[in-house]
Amino acid sequence: MGRIWSTKRVESLPQGALLTVKLESGGEVIAFDPLGCGEGEEVLITQGSVAAGYFEGVRAPVDALIIGSIDEDS
């Protein structure tokens, strides 16, 4: 849906953006985006320990992670 802007952040959070993602269920989640996805783009997300485990050597406070951008829906 769109980016979230913040002037302060936790230092252990790697470079990337926080995006508001609208779920198919109608809900919303804030997801960390290391890919640089744009507003209105369809994305794949993972949540929980899988999302946090993506970051090697850092304990990032991330519970939802964008892992892909959907180019085409069949």
PDB file of N, CA and C in Angstrom:
ATOM      1  N   MET A   1       0.819  -1.194   0.000  1.00  0.00           N
ATOM      2  CA  MET A   1       0.000   0.000   0.000  1.00  0.00           C
ATOM      3  C   MET A   1       0.860   1.255   0.000  1.00  0.00           C
ATOM      4  N   GLY A   2       1.908   1.265   0.809  1.00  0.00           N
ATOM      5  CA  GLY A   2       2.745   2.453   0.835  1.00  0.00           C
ATOM      6  C   GLY A   2       3.863   2.361   1.845  1.00  0.00           C
ATOM      7  N   ARG A   3       4.778   3.312   1.786  1.00  0.00           N
ATOM      8  CA  ARG A   3       5.940   3.343   2.671  1.00  0.00           C
ATOM      9  C   ARG A   3       5.585   4.041   3.975  1.00  0.00           C
ATOM     10  N   ILE A   4       6.323   3.666   5.003  1.00  0.00           N
ATOM     11  CA  ILE A   4       6.192   4.290   6.311  1.00  0.00           C
ATOM     12  C   ILE A   4       7.487   5.039   6.569  1.00  0.00           C
ATOM     13  N   TRP A   5       7.397   6.306   6.948  1.00  0.00           N
ATOM     14  CA  TRP A   5       8.586   7.122   7.178  1.00  0.00           C
ATOM     15  C   TRP A   5       8.793   7.320   8.664  1.00  0.00           C
ATOM     16  N   SER A   6      10.035   7.264   9.086  1.00  0.00           N
ATOM     17  CA  SER A   6      10.379   7.448  10.487  1.00  0.00           C
ATOM     18  C   SER A   6      11.740   8.141  10.576  1.00  0.00           C
ATOM     19  N   THR A   7      11.856   9.096  11.486  1.00  0.00           N
ATOM     20  CA  THR A   7      13.135   9.788  11.646  1.00  0.00           C
ATOM     21  C   THR A   7      14.065   9.034  12.588  1.00  0.00           C
ATOM     22  N   LYS A   8      13.533   8.081  13.349  1.00  0.00           N
ATOM     23  CA  LYS A   8      14.339   7.281  14.264  1.00  0.00           C
ATOM     24  C   LYS A   8      14.075   5.810  13.979  1.00  0.00           C
ATOM     25  N   ARG A   9      15.112   4.979  14.186  1.00  0.00           N
ATOM     26  CA  ARG A   9      14.943   3.553  13.969  1.00  0.00           C
ATOM     27  C   ARG A   9      15.927   2.787  14.838  1.00  0.00           C
ATOM     28  N   VAL A  10      15.652   1.527  15.051  1.00  0.00           N
ATOM     29  CA  VAL A  10      16.531   0.650  15.809  1.00  0.00           C
ATOM     30  C   VAL A  10      17.771   0.398  14.967  1.00  0.00           C
ATOM     31  N   GLU A  11      18.960   0.578  15.564  1.00  0.00           N
ATOM     32  CA  GLU A  11      20.207   0.456  14.804  1.00  0.00           C
ATOM     33  C   GLU A  11      20.434  -0.938  14.236  1.00  0.00           C
ATOM     34  N   SER A  12      19.865  -1.977  14.856  1.00  0.00           N
ATOM     35  CA  SER A  12      20.076  -3.339  14.361  1.00  0.00           C
ATOM     36  C   SER A  12      19.229  -3.650  13.123  1.00  0.00           C
ATOM     37  N   LEU A  13      18.345  -2.738  12.739  1.00  0.00           N
ATOM     38  CA  LEU A  13      17.549  -2.934  11.535  1.00  0.00           C
ATOM     39  C   LEU A  13      18.401  -2.609  10.315  1.00  0.00           C
ATOM     40  N   PRO A  14      18.603  -3.585   9.410  1.00  0.00           N
ATOM     41  CA  PRO A  14      19.426  -3.336   8.210  1.00  0.00           C
ATOM     42  C   PRO A  14      18.795  -2.287   7.299  1.00  0.00           C
ATOM     43  N   GLN A  15      19.513  -1.918   6.253  1.00  0.00           N
ATOM     44  CA  GLN A  15      18.992  -0.954   5.286  1.00  0.00           C
ATOM     45  C   GLN A  15      17.802  -1.540   4.544  1.00  0.00           C
ATOM     46  N   GLY A  16      16.788  -0.750   4.369  1.00  0.00           N
ATOM     47  CA  GLY A  16      15.567  -1.170   3.689  1.00  0.00           C
ATOM     48  C   GLY A  16      14.451  -0.235   4.110  1.00  0.00           C
ATOM     49  N   ALA A  17      13.246  -0.554   3.684  1.00  0.00           N
ATOM     50  CA  ALA A  17      12.096   0.285   3.992  1.00  0.00           C
ATOM     51  C   ALA A  17      11.050  -0.523   4.738  1.00  0.00           C
ATOM     52  N   LEU A  18      10.190   0.180   5.449  1.00  0.00           N
ATOM     53  CA  LEU A  18       9.029  -0.451   6.052  1.00  0.00           C
ATOM     54  C   LEU A  18       7.832  -0.119   5.178  1.00  0.00           C
ATOM     55  N   LEU A  19       7.089  -1.133   4.793  1.00  0.00           N
ATOM     56  CA  LEU A  19       5.929  -0.938   3.934  1.00  0.00           C
ATOM     57  C   LEU A  19       4.669  -1.445   4.612  1.00  0.00           C
ATOM     58  N   THR A  20       3.558  -0.758   4.388  1.00  0.00           N
ATOM     59  CA  THR A  20       2.257  -1.264   4.797  1.00  0.00           C
ATOM     60  C   THR A  20       1.783  -2.173   3.673  1.00  0.00           C
ATOM     61  N   VAL A  21       1.517  -3.447   4.007  1.00  0.00           N
ATOM     62  CA  VAL A  21       1.095  -4.425   3.011  1.00  0.00           C
ATOM     63  C   VAL A  21      -0.336  -4.848   3.310  1.00  0.00           C
ATOM     64  N   LYS A  22      -1.214  -4.739   2.324  1.00  0.00           N
ATOM     65  CA  LYS A  22      -2.597  -5.172   2.475  1.00  0.00           C
ATOM     66  C   LYS A  22      -2.666  -6.653   2.137  1.00  0.00           C
ATOM     67  N   LEU A  23      -3.205  -7.442   3.056  1.00  0.00           N
ATOM     68  CA  LEU A  23      -3.304  -8.886   2.876  1.00  0.00           C
ATOM     69  C   LEU A  23      -4.574  -9.260   2.126  1.00  0.00           C
ATOM     70  N   GLU A  24      -4.579 -10.433   1.510  1.00  0.00           N
ATOM     71  CA  GLU A  24      -5.769 -10.902   0.794  1.00  0.00           C
ATOM     72  C   GLU A  24      -6.972 -11.013   1.719  1.00  0.00           C
ATOM     73  N   SER A  25      -6.725 -11.248   3.006  1.00  0.00           N
ATOM     74  CA  SER A  25      -7.803 -11.373   3.988  1.00  0.00           C
ATOM     75  C   SER A  25      -8.449 -10.025   4.315  1.00  0.00           C
ATOM     76  N   GLY A  26      -7.832  -8.942   3.840  1.00  0.00           N
ATOM     77  CA  GLY A  26      -8.342  -7.603   4.105  1.00  0.00           C
ATOM     78  C   GLY A  26      -7.573  -6.885   5.191  1.00  0.00           C
ATOM     79  N   GLY A  27      -6.772  -7.627   5.962  1.00  0.00           N
ATOM     80  CA  GLY A  27      -5.958  -7.026   7.008  1.00  0.00           C
ATOM     81  C   GLY A  27      -4.734  -6.339   6.438  1.00  0.00           C
ATOM     82  N   GLU A  28      -3.963  -5.745   7.325  1.00  0.00           N
ATOM     83  CA  GLU A  28      -2.723  -5.078   6.925  1.00  0.00           C
ATOM     84  C   GLU A  28      -1.601  -5.513   7.846  1.00  0.00           C
ATOM     85  N   VAL A  29      -0.376  -5.477   7.343  1.00  0.00           N
ATOM     86  CA  VAL A  29       0.805  -5.800   8.129  1.00  0.00           C
ATOM     87  C   VAL A  29       1.922  -4.845   7.712  1.00  0.00           C
ATOM     88  N   ILE A  30       2.782  -4.511   8.653  1.00  0.00           N
ATOM     89  CA  ILE A  30       3.970  -3.714   8.356  1.00  0.00           C
ATOM     90  C   ILE A  30       5.082  -4.715   8.065  1.00  0.00           C
ATOM     91  N   ALA A  31       5.676  -4.637   6.888  1.00  0.00           N
ATOM     92  CA  ALA A  31       6.717  -5.585   6.485  1.00  0.00           C
ATOM     93  C   ALA A  31       7.999  -4.844   6.118  1.00  0.00           C
ATOM     94  N   PHE A  32       9.124  -5.466   6.463  1.00  0.00           N
ATOM     95  CA  PHE A  32      10.426  -4.914   6.087  1.00  0.00           C
ATOM     96  C   PHE A  32      10.697  -5.275   4.632  1.00  0.00           C
ATOM     97  N   ASP A  33      11.151  -4.307   3.858  1.00  0.00           N
ATOM     98  CA  ASP A  33      11.364  -4.497   2.421  1.00  0.00           C
ATOM     99  C   ASP A  33      12.831  -4.249   2.044  1.00  0.00           C
ATOM    100  N   PRO A  34      13.629  -5.318   1.911  1.00  0.00           N
ATOM    101  CA  PRO A  34      15.017  -5.145   1.473  1.00  0.00           C
ATOM    102  C   PRO A  34      15.143  -5.075  -0.046  1.00  0.00           C
ATOM    103  N   LEU A  35      14.037  -5.255  -0.778  1.00  0.00           N
ATOM    104  CA  LEU A  35      14.074  -5.335  -2.242  1.00  0.00           C
ATOM    105  C   LEU A  35      13.827  -4.011  -2.948  1.00  0.00           C
ATOM    106  N   GLY A  36      13.234  -3.055  -2.271  1.00  0.00           N
ATOM    107  CA  GLY A  36      12.921  -1.773  -2.908  1.00  0.00           C
ATOM    108  C   GLY A  36      11.637  -1.803  -3.714  1.00  0.00           C
ATOM    109  N   CYS A  37      10.639  -2.521  -3.252  1.00  0.00           N
ATOM    110  CA  CYS A  37       9.359  -2.616  -3.957  1.00  0.00           C
ATOM    111  C   CYS A  37       8.633  -1.278  -3.912  1.00  0.00           C
ATOM    112  N   GLY A  38       7.767  -1.076  -4.879  1.00  0.00           N
ATOM    113  CA  GLY A  38       7.057   0.187  -4.983  1.00  0.00           C
ATOM    114  C   GLY A  38       5.617   0.095  -4.527  1.00  0.00           C
ATOM    115  N   GLU A  39       5.014   1.247  -4.313  1.00  0.00           N
ATOM    116  CA  GLU A  39       3.619   1.322  -3.901  1.00  0.00           C
ATOM    117  C   GLU A  39       2.725   0.706  -4.967  1.00  0.00           C
ATOM    118  N   GLY A  40       1.776  -0.125  -4.562  1.00  0.00           N
ATOM    119  CA  GLY A  40       0.857  -0.777  -5.483  1.00  0.00           C
ATOM    120  C   GLY A  40       1.374  -2.080  -6.055  1.00  0.00           C
ATOM    121  N   GLU A  41       2.612  -2.409  -5.788  1.00  0.00           N
ATOM    122  CA  GLU A  41       3.215  -3.639  -6.300  1.00  0.00           C
ATOM    123  C   GLU A  41       2.740  -4.837  -5.482  1.00  0.00           C
ATOM    124  N   GLU A  42       2.459  -5.953  -6.139  1.00  0.00           N
ATOM    125  CA  GLU A  42       2.083  -7.177  -5.428  1.00  0.00           C
ATOM    126  C   GLU A  42       3.352  -7.876  -4.971  1.00  0.00           C
ATOM    127  N   VAL A  43       3.365  -8.302  -3.695  1.00  0.00           N
ATOM    128  CA  VAL A  43       4.567  -8.883  -3.113  1.00  0.00           C
ATOM    129  C   VAL A  43       4.250 -10.189  -2.386  1.00  0.00           C
ATOM    130  N   LEU A  44       5.298 -10.961  -2.142  1.00  0.00           N
ATOM    131  CA  LEU A  44       5.221 -12.149  -1.308  1.00  0.00           C
ATOM    132  C   LEU A  44       5.866 -11.807   0.018  1.00  0.00           C
ATOM    133  N   ILE A  45       5.230 -12.219   1.120  1.00  0.00           N
ATOM    134  CA  ILE A  45       5.822 -11.966   2.426  1.00  0.00           C
ATOM    135  C   ILE A  45       5.938 -13.266   3.209  1.00  0.00           C
ATOM    136  N   THR A  46       6.866 -13.274   4.148  1.00  0.00           N
ATOM    137  CA  THR A  46       6.973 -14.342   5.123  1.00  0.00           C
ATOM    138  C   THR A  46       6.945 -13.683   6.492  1.00  0.00           C
ATOM    139  N   GLN A  47       6.501 -14.443   7.493  1.00  0.00           N
ATOM    140  CA  GLN A  47       6.367 -13.861   8.822  1.00  0.00           C
ATOM    141  C   GLN A  47       7.006 -14.749   9.884  1.00  0.00           C
ATOM    142  N   GLY A  48       7.190 -14.176  11.067  1.00  0.00           N
ATOM    143  CA  GLY A  48       7.683 -14.919  12.214  1.00  0.00           C
ATOM    144  C   GLY A  48       9.174 -15.186  12.169  1.00  0.00           C
ATOM    145  N   SER A  49       9.570 -16.355  12.698  1.00  0.00           N
ATOM    146  CA  SER A  49      10.991 -16.679  12.823  1.00  0.00           C
ATOM    147  C   SER A  49      11.684 -16.784  11.467  1.00  0.00           C
ATOM    148  N   VAL A  50      10.957 -17.153  10.420  1.00  0.00           N
ATOM    149  CA  VAL A  50      11.550 -17.216   9.076  1.00  0.00           C
ATOM    150  C   VAL A  50      11.961 -15.820   8.626  1.00  0.00           C
ATOM    151  N   ALA A  51      11.130 -14.831   8.895  1.00  0.00           N
ATOM    152  CA  ALA A  51      11.447 -13.446   8.528  1.00  0.00           C
ATOM    153  C   ALA A  51      12.658 -12.952   9.308  1.00  0.00           C
ATOM    154  N   ALA A  52      12.681 -13.180  10.593  1.00  0.00           N
ATOM    155  CA  ALA A  52      13.794 -12.723  11.430  1.00  0.00           C
ATOM    156  C   ALA A  52      15.081 -13.465  11.100  1.00  0.00           C
ATOM    157  N   GLY A  53      14.973 -14.738  10.700  1.00  0.00           N
ATOM    158  CA  GLY A  53      16.141 -15.556  10.395  1.00  0.00           C
ATOM    159  C   GLY A  53      16.840 -15.197   9.095  1.00  0.00           C
ATOM    160  N   TYR A  54      16.236 -14.351   8.283  1.00  0.00           N
ATOM    161  CA  TYR A  54      16.821 -13.933   7.010  1.00  0.00           C
ATOM    162  C   TYR A  54      18.128 -13.167   7.218  1.00  0.00           C
ATOM    163  N   PHE A  55      18.219 -12.431   8.305  1.00  0.00           N
ATOM    164  CA  PHE A  55      19.352 -11.554   8.558  1.00  0.00           C
ATOM    165  C   PHE A  55      20.462 -12.311   9.268  1.00  0.00           C
ATOM    166  N   GLU A  56      21.577 -12.506   8.588  1.00  0.00           N
ATOM    167  CA  GLU A  56      22.707 -13.237   9.156  1.00  0.00           C
ATOM    168  C   GLU A  56      23.566 -12.316  10.008  1.00  0.00           C
ATOM    169  N   GLY A  57      23.914 -12.781  11.207  1.00  0.00           N
ATOM    170  CA  GLY A  57      24.804 -12.019  12.076  1.00  0.00           C
ATOM    171  C   GLY A  57      24.170 -10.845  12.781  1.00  0.00           C
ATOM    172  N   VAL A  58      22.869 -10.633  12.585  1.00  0.00           N
ATOM    173  CA  VAL A  58      22.166  -9.500  13.198  1.00  0.00           C
ATOM    174  C   VAL A  58      20.841 -10.012  13.764  1.00  0.00           C
ATOM    175  N   ARG A  59      20.501  -9.548  14.947  1.00  0.00           N
ATOM    176  CA  ARG A  59      19.192  -9.872  15.510  1.00  0.00           C
ATOM    177  C   ARG A  59      18.246  -8.731  15.159  1.00  0.00           C
ATOM    178  N   ALA A  60      17.694  -8.790  13.958  1.00  0.00           N
ATOM    179  CA  ALA A  60      16.821  -7.716  13.485  1.00  0.00           C
ATOM    180  C   ALA A  60      15.411  -7.890  14.043  1.00  0.00           C
ATOM    181  N   PRO A  61      14.811  -6.820  14.537  1.00  0.00           N
ATOM    182  CA  PRO A  61      13.453  -6.890  15.082  1.00  0.00           C
ATOM    183  C   PRO A  61      12.409  -6.872  13.965  1.00  0.00           C
ATOM    184  N   VAL A  62      12.390  -7.943  13.170  1.00  0.00           N
ATOM    185  CA  VAL A  62      11.509  -8.021  12.008  1.00  0.00           C
ATOM    186  C   VAL A  62      10.590  -9.230  12.153  1.00  0.00           C
ATOM    187  N   ASP A  63       9.287  -9.021  11.992  1.00  0.00           N
ATOM    188  CA  ASP A  63       8.323 -10.107  12.075  1.00  0.00           C
ATOM    189  C   ASP A  63       7.654 -10.391  10.735  1.00  0.00           C
ATOM    190  N   ALA A  64       7.784  -9.489   9.778  1.00  0.00           N
ATOM    191  CA  ALA A  64       7.238  -9.692   8.433  1.00  0.00           C
ATOM    192  C   ALA A  64       8.261  -9.175   7.429  1.00  0.00           C
ATOM    193  N   LEU A  65       8.552  -9.981   6.418  1.00  0.00           N
ATOM    194  CA  LEU A  65       9.607  -9.670   5.460  1.00  0.00           C
ATOM    195  C   LEU A  65       9.104  -9.886   4.039  1.00  0.00           C
ATOM    196  N   ILE A  66       9.331  -8.906   3.186  1.00  0.00           N
ATOM    197  CA  ILE A  66       8.999  -9.059   1.764  1.00  0.00           C
ATOM    198  C   ILE A  66      10.112  -9.874   1.124  1.00  0.00           C
ATOM    199  N   ILE A  67       9.747 -11.020   0.532  1.00  0.00           N
ATOM    200  CA  ILE A  67      10.733 -11.921  -0.041  1.00  0.00           C
ATOM    201  C   ILE A  67      10.651 -12.018  -1.556  1.00  0.00           C
ATOM    202  N   GLY A  68       9.665 -11.362  -2.147  1.00  0.00           N
ATOM    203  CA  GLY A  68       9.551 -11.408  -3.597  1.00  0.00           C
ATOM    204  C   GLY A  68       8.549 -10.392  -4.112  1.00  0.00           C
ATOM    205  N   SER A  69       8.723 -10.066  -5.372  1.00  0.00           N
ATOM    206  CA  SER A  69       7.826  -9.157  -6.069  1.00  0.00           C
ATOM    207  C   SER A  69       7.152  -9.958  -7.189  1.00  0.00           C
ATOM    208  N   ILE A  70       5.843  -9.913  -7.247  1.00  0.00           N
ATOM    209  CA  ILE A  70       5.102 -10.692  -8.248  1.00  0.00           C
ATOM    210  C   ILE A  70       5.093  -9.925  -9.568  1.00  0.00           C
ATOM    211  N   ASP A  71       5.717 -10.511 -10.581  1.00  0.00           N
ATOM    212  CA  ASP A  71       5.759  -9.869 -11.908  1.00  0.00           C
ATOM    213  C   ASP A  71       4.488 -10.134 -12.697  1.00  0.00           C
ATOM    214  N   GLU A  72       3.969 -11.344 -12.567  1.00  0.00           N
ATOM    215  CA  GLU A  72       2.803 -11.722 -13.354  1.00  0.00           C
ATOM    216  C   GLU A  72       1.967 -12.715 -12.560  1.00  0.00           C
ATOM    217  N   ASP A  73       0.657 -12.535 -12.552  1.00  0.00           N
ATOM    218  CA  ASP A  73      -0.249 -13.418 -11.843  1.00  0.00           C
ATOM    219  C   ASP A  73      -0.986 -14.255 -12.884  1.00  0.00           C
ATOM    220  N   SER A  74      -0.892 -15.573 -12.755  1.00  0.00           N
ATOM    221  CA  SER A  74      -1.553 -16.415 -13.776  1.00  0.00           C
ATOM    222  C   SER A  74      -2.867 -16.959 -13.294  1.00  0.00           C
TER     223      SER A  74
END
